[in-house]
PDB file of N, CA and C in Angstrom:
ATOM      1  N   MET A   1     238.813 226.565  16.095  1.00  0.00           N
ATOM      2  CA  MET A   1     237.516 225.927  17.011  1.00  0.00           C
ATOM      3  C   MET A   1     238.862 226.101  18.463  1.00  0.00           C
ATOM      4  N   LYS A   2     238.015 226.593  19.388  1.00  0.00           N
ATOM      5  CA  LYS A   2     238.109 226.327  20.666  1.00  0.00           C
ATOM      6  C   LYS A   2     237.751 225.242  21.450  1.00  0.00           C
ATOM      7  N   LYS A   3     237.784 224.116  21.834  1.00  0.00           N
ATOM      8  CA  LYS A   3     237.442 224.065  23.093  1.00  0.00           C
ATOM      9  C   LYS A   3     237.292 224.371  24.397  1.00  0.00           C
ATOM     10  N   VAL A   4     235.866 224.529  24.876  1.00  0.00           N
ATOM     11  CA  VAL A   4     235.244 224.833  26.142  1.00  0.00           C
ATOM     12  C   VAL A   4     234.441 224.104  26.932  1.00  0.00           C
ATOM     13  N   THR A   5     234.476 224.599  28.323  1.00  0.00           N
ATOM     14  CA  THR A   5     233.657 223.687  29.129  1.00  0.00           C
ATOM     15  C   THR A   5     232.335 224.373  29.253  1.00  0.00           C
ATOM     16  N   ALA A   6     231.626 223.515  29.695  1.00  0.00           N
ATOM     17  CA  ALA A   6     230.463 223.769  30.075  1.00  0.00           C
ATOM     18  C   ALA A   6     230.580 225.281  31.380  1.00  0.00           C
ATOM     19  N   ALA A   7     231.569 224.658  31.904  1.00  0.00           N
ATOM     20  CA  ALA A   7     231.836 225.474  33.414  1.00  0.00           C
ATOM     21  C   ALA A   7     232.601 226.451  32.802  1.00  0.00           C
ATOM     22  N   TYR A   8     233.178 226.732  32.349  1.00  0.00           N
ATOM     23  CA  TYR A   8     233.996 228.137  31.176  1.00  0.00           C
ATOM     24  C   TYR A   8     232.687 229.260  30.778  1.00  0.00           C
ATOM     25  N   LEU A   9     231.730 228.493  30.240  1.00  0.00           N
ATOM     26  CA  LEU A   9     230.406 229.384  30.019  1.00  0.00           C
ATOM     27  C   LEU A   9     229.691 229.640  30.873  1.00  0.00           C
ATOM     28  N   ARG A  10     229.512 228.894  32.004  1.00  0.00           N
ATOM     29  CA  ARG A  10     229.005 229.411  32.903  1.00  0.00           C
ATOM     30  C   ARG A  10     229.560 230.734  33.695  1.00  0.00           C
ATOM     31  N   ASP A  11     231.040 230.875  33.902  1.00  0.00           N
ATOM     32  CA  ASP A  11     231.818 231.729  34.196  1.00  0.00           C
ATOM     33  C   ASP A  11     231.508 232.614  33.559  1.00  0.00           C
ATOM     34  N   ILE A  12     231.753 233.025  32.142  1.00  0.00           N
ATOM     35  CA  ILE A  12     231.421 233.909  31.699  1.00  0.00           C
ATOM     36  C   ILE A  12     229.979 233.915  31.941  1.00  0.00           C
ATOM     37  N   VAL A  13     228.754 233.543  32.098  1.00  0.00           N
ATOM     38  CA  VAL A  13     227.612 233.971  32.727  1.00  0.00           C
ATOM     39  C   VAL A  13     227.821 234.721  34.038  1.00  0.00           C
ATOM     40  N   ALA A  14     228.398 234.794  34.609  1.00  0.00           N
ATOM     41  CA  ALA A  14     228.416 234.839  36.103  1.00  0.00           C
ATOM     42  C   ALA A  14     228.987 236.141  35.683  1.00  0.00           C
ATOM     43  N   ASP A  15     230.368 236.302  35.160  1.00  0.00           N
ATOM     44  CA  ASP A  15     230.885 237.627  34.585  1.00  0.00           C
ATOM     45  C   ASP A  15     230.259 238.827  34.514  1.00  0.00           C
ATOM     46  N   ALA A  16     229.006 238.257  33.347  1.00  0.00           N
ATOM     47  CA  ALA A  16     228.288 239.277  32.248  1.00  0.00           C
ATOM     48  C   ALA A  16     227.078 239.852  33.647  1.00  0.00           C
ATOM     49  N   ILE A  17     226.870 238.833  34.749  1.00  0.00           N
ATOM     50  CA  ILE A  17     225.425 239.185  35.746  1.00  0.00           C
ATOM     51  C   ILE A  17     225.893 239.593  37.326  1.00  0.00           C
ATOM     52  N   SER A  18     227.427 239.577  37.456  1.00  0.00           N
ATOM     53  CA  SER A  18     227.976 240.150  38.194  1.00  0.00           C
ATOM     54  C   SER A  18     227.218 241.554  38.916  1.00  0.00           C
ATOM     55  N   PRO A  19     227.381 242.536  37.845  1.00  0.00           N
ATOM     56  CA  PRO A  19     227.223 244.241  37.916  1.00  0.00           C
ATOM     57  C   PRO A  19     225.765 244.223  38.466  1.00  0.00           C
ATOM     58  N   SER A  20     224.747 243.620  38.049  1.00  0.00           N
ATOM     59  CA  SER A  20     223.794 243.603  38.577  1.00  0.00           C
ATOM     60  C   SER A  20     222.858 242.676  39.364  1.00  0.00           C
ATOM     61  N   ILE A  21     223.991 241.440  39.658  1.00  0.00           N
ATOM     62  CA  ILE A  21     222.994 240.955  40.809  1.00  0.00           C
ATOM     63  C   ILE A  21     222.687 241.214  42.050  1.00  0.00           C
ATOM     64  N   GLU A  22     222.966 242.208  42.500  1.00  0.00           N
ATOM     65  CA  GLU A  22     222.512 242.467  43.728  1.00  0.00           C
ATOM     66  C   GLU A  22     221.081 243.444  43.340  1.00  0.00           C
ATOM     67  N   THR A  23     221.114 243.720  42.545  1.00  0.00           N
ATOM     68  CA  THR A  23     219.503 244.806  41.920  1.00  0.00           C
ATOM     69  C   THR A  23     218.831 243.260  41.916  1.00  0.00           C
ATOM     70  N   TYR A  24     219.010 242.185  40.880  1.00  0.00           N
ATOM     71  CA  TYR A  24     217.891 240.943  41.303  1.00  0.00           C
ATOM     72  C   TYR A  24     217.862 240.772  42.522  1.00  0.00           C
ATOM     73  N   ARG A  25     218.690 240.321  43.392  1.00  0.00           N
ATOM     74  CA  ARG A  25     218.670 239.997  44.547  1.00  0.00           C
ATOM     75  C   ARG A  25     217.771 240.589  45.301  1.00  0.00           C
ATOM     76  N   SER A  26     217.806 242.152  45.231  1.00  0.00           N
ATOM     77  CA  SER A  26     216.434 243.148  45.530  1.00  0.00           C
ATOM     78  C   SER A  26     215.127 242.578  45.240  1.00  0.00           C
ATOM     79  N   SER A  27     215.135 242.374  44.182  1.00  0.00           N
ATOM     80  CA  SER A  27     213.966 242.448  43.340  1.00  0.00           C
ATOM     81  C   SER A  27     213.602 241.448  44.016  1.00  0.00           C
ATOM     82  N   ARG A  28     214.112 240.178  44.041  1.00  0.00           N
ATOM     83  CA  ARG A  28     213.041 238.855  44.755  1.00  0.00           C
ATOM     84  C   ARG A  28     212.784 239.328  45.883  1.00  0.00           C
ATOM     85  N   LEU A  29     213.718 240.211  46.843  1.00  0.00           N
ATOM     86  CA  LEU A  29     213.502 240.225  48.660  1.00  0.00           C
ATOM     87  C   LEU A  29     212.159 240.726  48.406  1.00  0.00           C
ATOM     88  N   SER A  30     212.051 242.140  47.522  1.00  0.00           N
ATOM     89  CA  SER A  30     211.039 243.230  47.337  1.00  0.00           C
ATOM     90  C   SER A  30     209.598 242.093  47.247  1.00  0.00           C
ATOM     91  N   SER A  31     209.575 241.177  46.320  1.00  0.00           N
ATOM     92  CA  SER A  31     208.534 240.735  45.501  1.00  0.00           C
ATOM     93  C   SER A  31     207.581 239.856  45.889  1.00  0.00           C
ATOM     94  N   GLY A  32     208.351 239.901  47.908  1.00  0.00           N
ATOM     95  CA  GLY A  32     207.554 238.759  48.830  1.00  0.00           C
ATOM     96  C   GLY A  32     208.010 237.256  48.845  1.00  0.00           C
ATOM     97  N   GLU A  33     209.049 237.133  48.049  1.00  0.00           N
ATOM     98  CA  GLU A  33     208.995 235.890  47.792  1.00  0.00           C
ATOM     99  C   GLU A  33     209.420 235.167  49.625  1.00  0.00           C
ATOM    100  N   GLU A  34     208.391 234.263  49.675  1.00  0.00           N
ATOM    101  CA  GLU A  34     208.917 233.237  50.796  1.00  0.00           C
ATOM    102  C   GLU A  34     210.275 232.736  51.077  1.00  0.00           C
ATOM    103  N   HIS A  35     210.692 232.751  52.202  1.00  0.00           N
ATOM    104  CA  HIS A  35     212.268 232.021  52.571  1.00  0.00           C
ATOM    105  C   HIS A  35     212.803 232.354  51.480  1.00  0.00           C
ATOM    106  N   TYR A  36     212.547 233.656  51.166  1.00  0.00           N
ATOM    107  CA  TYR A  36     214.014 233.715  50.395  1.00  0.00           C
ATOM    108  C   TYR A  36     214.862 234.866  51.498  1.00  0.00           C
ATOM    109  N   THR A  37     216.128 234.037  51.551  1.00  0.00           N
ATOM    110  CA  THR A  37     217.618 235.285  52.150  1.00  0.00           C
ATOM    111  C   THR A  37     218.417 235.457  51.078  1.00  0.00           C
ATOM    112  N   PRO A  38     218.588 236.276  50.187  1.00  0.00           N
ATOM    113  CA  PRO A  38     219.936 237.067  49.664  1.00  0.00           C
ATOM    114  C   PRO A  38     220.744 236.385  50.124  1.00  0.00           C
ATOM    115  N   PRO A  39     222.020 235.709  48.727  1.00  0.00           N
ATOM    116  CA  PRO A  39     222.881 235.032  49.307  1.00  0.00           C
ATOM    117  C   PRO A  39     224.042 236.565  48.949  1.00  0.00           C
ATOM    118  N   THR A  40     225.522 236.405  49.626  1.00  0.00           N
ATOM    119  CA  THR A  40     226.395 237.694  49.317  1.00  0.00           C
ATOM    120  C   THR A  40     227.168 237.424  48.126  1.00  0.00           C
ATOM    121  N   GLY A  41     227.922 237.929  47.818  1.00  0.00           N
ATOM    122  CA  GLY A  41     228.485 237.746  46.711  1.00  0.00           C
ATOM    123  C   GLY A  41     228.568 237.816  45.292  1.00  0.00           C
ATOM    124  N   LEU A  42     229.356 236.532  44.408  1.00  0.00           N
ATOM    125  CA  LEU A  42     229.231 236.263  43.630  1.00  0.00           C
ATOM    126  C   LEU A  42     227.887 235.502  43.385  1.00  0.00           C
ATOM    127  N   PRO A  43     227.636 235.411  41.811  1.00  0.00           N
ATOM    128  CA  PRO A  43     226.434 235.013  41.336  1.00  0.00           C
ATOM    129  C   PRO A  43     226.281 233.237  41.498  1.00  0.00           C
ATOM    130  N   THR A  44     225.251 233.121  42.456  1.00  0.00           N
ATOM    131  CA  THR A  44     224.888 231.535  43.263  1.00  0.00           C
ATOM    132  C   THR A  44     224.889 230.596  41.871  1.00  0.00           C
ATOM    133  N   ASP A  45     224.917 229.364  41.706  1.00  0.00           N
ATOM    134  CA  ASP A  45     224.804 228.533  40.799  1.00  0.00           C
ATOM    135  C   ASP A  45     222.950 229.037  40.394  1.00  0.00           C
ATOM    136  N   GLU A  46     222.222 228.886  41.731  1.00  0.00           N
ATOM    137  CA  GLU A  46     221.218 228.819  41.255  1.00  0.00           C
ATOM    138  C   GLU A  46     220.586 230.484  40.322  1.00  0.00           C
ATOM    139  N   GLU A  47     221.222 231.324  40.644  1.00  0.00           N
ATOM    140  CA  GLU A  47     220.930 232.797  39.912  1.00  0.00           C
ATOM    141  C   GLU A  47     221.320 232.624  38.690  1.00  0.00           C
ATOM    142  N   ILE A  48     222.498 231.886  38.383  1.00  0.00           N
ATOM    143  CA  ILE A  48     223.192 231.565  36.969  1.00  0.00           C
ATOM    144  C   ILE A  48     222.186 230.453  36.436  1.00  0.00           C
ATOM    145  N   ASP A  49     221.791 229.350  36.743  1.00  0.00           N
ATOM    146  CA  ASP A  49     220.279 229.202  36.097  1.00  0.00           C
ATOM    147  C   ASP A  49     218.817 229.897  35.575  1.00  0.00           C
ATOM    148  N   ASP A  50     218.972 230.798  36.555  1.00  0.00           N
ATOM    149  CA  ASP A  50     217.827 231.311  36.398  1.00  0.00           C
ATOM    150  C   ASP A  50     217.796 232.238  35.140  1.00  0.00           C
ATOM    151  N   PHE A  51     219.208 233.057  35.127  1.00  0.00           N
ATOM    152  CA  PHE A  51     219.332 233.852  33.970  1.00  0.00           C
ATOM    153  C   PHE A  51     219.225 232.973  33.022  1.00  0.00           C
ATOM    154  N   LEU A  52     219.884 231.648  33.346  1.00  0.00           N
ATOM    155  CA  LEU A  52     219.968 231.043  31.811  1.00  0.00           C
ATOM    156  C   LEU A  52     218.890 230.283  31.246  1.00  0.00           C
ATOM    157  N   PHE A  53     217.660 230.118  31.959  1.00  0.00           N
ATOM    158  CA  PHE A  53     216.458 229.990  31.936  1.00  0.00           C
ATOM    159  C   PHE A  53     216.088 230.907  31.428  1.00  0.00           C
ATOM    160  N   HIS A  54     216.108 231.997  31.556  1.00  0.00           N
ATOM    161  CA  HIS A  54     214.883 233.001  31.119  1.00  0.00           C
ATOM    162  C   HIS A  54     215.574 233.952  30.331  1.00  0.00           C
ATOM    163  N   ASN A  55     216.484 233.388  29.921  1.00  0.00           N
ATOM    164  CA  ASN A  55     217.441 234.731  28.467  1.00  0.00           C
ATOM    165  C   ASN A  55     216.509 233.998  27.657  1.00  0.00           C
ATOM    166  N   GLY A  56     216.094 234.904  26.712  1.00  0.00           N
ATOM    167  CA  GLY A  56     215.628 234.197  25.794  1.00  0.00           C
ATOM    168  C   GLY A  56     216.235 234.522  24.140  1.00  0.00           C
ATOM    169  N   LEU A  57     217.519 234.628  24.504  1.00  0.00           N
ATOM    170  CA  LEU A  57     218.124 235.211  23.300  1.00  0.00           C
ATOM    171  C   LEU A  57     219.470 233.480  22.818  1.00  0.00           C
ATOM    172  N   LEU A  58     219.147 233.016  23.968  1.00  0.00           N
ATOM    173  CA  LEU A  58     219.695 231.425  24.361  1.00  0.00           C
ATOM    174  C   LEU A  58     218.895 230.339  23.173  1.00  0.00           C
ATOM    175  N   ASP A  59     219.678 229.471  22.709  1.00  0.00           N
ATOM    176  CA  ASP A  59     218.645 228.783  22.047  1.00  0.00           C
ATOM    177  C   ASP A  59     218.802 227.540  23.109  1.00  0.00           C
ATOM    178  N   GLU A  60     217.972 226.880  23.039  1.00  0.00           N
ATOM    179  CA  GLU A  60     216.974 225.537  24.391  1.00  0.00           C
ATOM    180  C   GLU A  60     218.396 224.644  24.175  1.00  0.00           C
ATOM    181  N   GLU A  61     218.835 224.366  23.353  1.00  0.00           N
ATOM    182  CA  GLU A  61     220.572 223.382  23.974  1.00  0.00           C
ATOM    183  C   GLU A  61     221.425 223.827  24.641  1.00  0.00           C
ATOM    184  N   THR A  62     221.670 225.145  23.910  1.00  0.00           N
ATOM    185  CA  THR A  62     222.899 225.297  24.863  1.00  0.00           C
ATOM    186  C   THR A  62     222.476 225.618  26.479  1.00  0.00           C
ATOM    187  N   VAL A  63     221.165 226.267  25.943  1.00  0.00           N
ATOM    188  CA  VAL A  63     220.806 226.587  27.690  1.00  0.00           C
ATOM    189  C   VAL A  63     220.639 225.348  28.638  1.00  0.00           C
ATOM    190  N   GLU A  64     220.172 224.080  27.588  1.00  0.00           N
ATOM    191  CA  GLU A  64     220.255 222.567  28.559  1.00  0.00           C
ATOM    192  C   GLU A  64     221.459 222.208  28.829  1.00  0.00           C
ATOM    193  N   GLN A  65     222.568 222.299  28.069  1.00  0.00           N
ATOM    194  CA  GLN A  65     223.682 222.001  28.791  1.00  0.00           C
ATOM    195  C   GLN A  65     224.096 222.631  29.542  1.00  0.00           C
ATOM    196  N   LEU A  66     223.878 224.119  29.695  1.00  0.00           N
ATOM    197  CA  LEU A  66     224.606 224.935  30.821  1.00  0.00           C
ATOM    198  C   LEU A  66     224.007 224.750  31.946  1.00  0.00           C
ATOM    199  N   ILE A  67     222.637 224.215  32.044  1.00  0.00           N
ATOM    200  CA  ILE A  67     222.172 224.104  33.711  1.00  0.00           C
ATOM    201  C   ILE A  67     222.095 222.632  33.939  1.00  0.00           C
ATOM    202  N   ASP A  68     222.057 222.004  33.411  1.00  0.00           N
ATOM    203  CA  ASP A  68     221.684 220.661  33.639  1.00  0.00           C
ATOM    204  C   ASP A  68     223.936 219.941  33.679  1.00  0.00           C
ATOM    205  N   PRO A  69     223.906 219.707  35.261  1.00  0.00           N
ATOM    206  CA  PRO A  69     225.874 219.540  35.185  1.00  0.00           C
ATOM    207  C   PRO A  69     225.775 217.731  34.681  1.00  0.00           C
ATOM    208  N   GLY A  70     225.089 216.859  34.163  1.00  0.00           N
ATOM    209  CA  GLY A  70     225.332 215.727  34.158  1.00  0.00           C
ATOM    210  C   GLY A  70     225.810 214.803  35.007  1.00  0.00           C
ATOM    211  N   LEU A  71     226.374 213.915  34.852  1.00  0.00           N
ATOM    212  CA  LEU A  71     226.722 212.671  35.812  1.00  0.00           C
ATOM    213  C   LEU A  71     228.205 213.123  36.352  1.00  0.00           C
ATOM    214  N   LEU A  72     229.210 214.188  35.232  1.00  0.00           N
ATOM    215  CA  LEU A  72     230.348 214.713  36.168  1.00  0.00           C
ATOM    216  C   LEU A  72     230.944 215.632  36.275  1.00  0.00           C
ATOM    217  N   GLY A  73     229.681 216.484  35.927  1.00  0.00           N
ATOM    218  CA  GLY A  73     229.804 218.188  35.887  1.00  0.00           C
ATOM    219  C   GLY A  73     229.843 219.023  35.516  1.00  0.00           C
ATOM    220  N   PHE A  74     230.081 219.932  35.062  1.00  0.00           N
ATOM    221  CA  PHE A  74     230.235 220.898  34.053  1.00  0.00           C
ATOM    222  C   PHE A  74     231.237 220.864  33.580  1.00  0.00           C
ATOM    223  N   TYR A  75     232.620 220.450  34.504  1.00  0.00           N
ATOM    224  CA  TYR A  75     233.826 220.477  34.019  1.00  0.00           C
ATOM    225  C   TYR A  75     233.888 219.712  33.104  1.00  0.00           C
ATOM    226  N   HIS A  76     233.328 218.692  32.648  1.00  0.00           N
ATOM    227  CA  HIS A  76     233.554 217.560  32.119  1.00  0.00           C
ATOM    228  C   HIS A  76     232.708 217.336  30.803  1.00  0.00           C
ATOM    229  N   LYS A  77     231.530 218.364  31.088  1.00  0.00           N
ATOM    230  CA  LYS A  77     230.879 218.512  29.731  1.00  0.00           C
ATOM    231  C   LYS A  77     232.239 219.492  28.584  1.00  0.00           C
ATOM    232  N   THR A  78     232.204 219.070  27.530  1.00  0.00           N
ATOM    233  CA  THR A  78     233.292 219.802  26.656  1.00  0.00           C
ATOM    234  C   THR A  78     232.418 220.269  25.122  1.00  0.00           C
ATOM    235  N   ALA A  79     232.707 221.307  24.661  1.00  0.00           N
ATOM    236  CA  ALA A  79     232.538 221.344  23.322  1.00  0.00           C
ATOM    237  C   ALA A  79     233.412 222.395  22.392  1.00  0.00           C
ATOM    238  N   ASN A  80     233.815 222.522  21.171  1.00  0.00           N
ATOM    239  CA  ASN A  80     234.220 223.141  20.111  1.00  0.00           C
ATOM    240  C   ASN A  80     233.379 224.081  19.869  1.00  0.00           C
ATOM    241  N   ALA A  81     233.833 225.458  20.394  1.00  0.00           N
ATOM    242  CA  ALA A  81     233.180 226.990  20.051  1.00  0.00           C
ATOM    243  C   ALA A  81     234.521 227.598  18.931  1.00  0.00           C
ATOM    244  N   THR A  82     233.886 228.171  17.799  1.00  0.00           N
ATOM    245  CA  THR A  82     234.826 229.142  17.320  1.00  0.00           C
ATOM    246  C   THR A  82     234.278 230.530  18.028  1.00  0.00           C
ATOM    247  N   GLU A  83     235.557 231.595  17.776  1.00  0.00           N
ATOM    248  CA  GLU A  83     235.811 232.480  18.131  1.00  0.00           C
ATOM    249  C   GLU A  83     234.282 233.545  18.247  1.00  0.00           C
ATOM    250  N   GLU A  84     233.916 233.225  16.680  1.00  0.00           N
ATOM    251  CA  GLU A  84     232.658 234.332  16.809  1.00  0.00           C
ATOM    252  C   GLU A  84     231.874 233.922  17.293  1.00  0.00           C
ATOM    253  N   TRP A  85     231.064 232.319  17.618  1.00  0.00           N
ATOM    254  CA  TRP A  85     229.467 231.460  18.309  1.00  0.00           C
ATOM    255  C   TRP A  85     230.404 232.272  19.573  1.00  0.00           C
ATOM    256  N   LEU A  86     231.599 232.476  20.580  1.00  0.00           N
ATOM    257  CA  LEU A  86     231.661 232.582  21.545  1.00  0.00           C
ATOM    258  C   LEU A  86     231.254 234.309  21.568  1.00  0.00           C
ATOM    259  N   GLU A  87     231.899 234.908  20.765  1.00  0.00           N
ATOM    260  CA  GLU A  87     231.243 236.207  20.709  1.00  0.00           C
ATOM    261  C   GLU A  87     229.941 236.836  20.973  1.00  0.00           C
ATOM    262  N   GLU A  88     229.449 235.682  19.820  1.00  0.00           N
ATOM    263  CA  GLU A  88     227.676 236.207  19.945  1.00  0.00           C
ATOM    264  C   GLU A  88     226.750 235.183  21.026  1.00  0.00           C
ATOM    265  N   PHE A  89     227.679 234.753  21.710  1.00  0.00           N
ATOM    266  CA  PHE A  89     227.216 234.066  23.283  1.00  0.00           C
ATOM    267  C   PHE A  89     227.341 234.964  24.348  1.00  0.00           C
ATOM    268  N   GLN A  90     228.895 235.678  24.227  1.00  0.00           N
ATOM    269  CA  GLN A  90     228.917 236.642  25.170  1.00  0.00           C
ATOM    270  C   GLN A  90     227.826 238.148  25.134  1.00  0.00           C
ATOM    271  N   ASN A  91     227.451 238.307  23.806  1.00  0.00           N
ATOM    272  CA  ASN A  91     226.081 239.509  23.554  1.00  0.00           C
ATOM    273  C   ASN A  91     224.996 239.234  23.481  1.00  0.00           C
ATOM    274  N   HIS A  92     224.492 237.692  23.765  1.00  0.00           N
ATOM    275  CA  HIS A  92     223.403 237.711  24.005  1.00  0.00           C
ATOM    276  C   HIS A  92     223.264 237.464  25.770  1.00  0.00           C
ATOM    277  N   LEU A  93     224.263 237.814  26.277  1.00  0.00           N
ATOM    278  CA  LEU A  93     224.550 238.069  27.927  1.00  0.00           C
ATOM    279  C   LEU A  93     223.791 239.361  27.946  1.00  0.00           C
TER     280      LEU A  93
END
């Protein structure tokens, strides 16, 4: 078992969506969404949350834990994860 933080798992998500983040941003911009100014650079927290919320391959509890920072933030939320679970998590991204 490996102890992981929610911040670490969110970093995995950010790495997974980084190659396509500009496509996502362009899509939001072209959809006519009011008051949307696309950010630049790495995926933002809002973009990570949006991806997690709309990913049907992830279970509800995992999504909830990775979207809500709680009182102390994502670095203080920890869990024990097997290598198999981490691999499955990455495959679902």
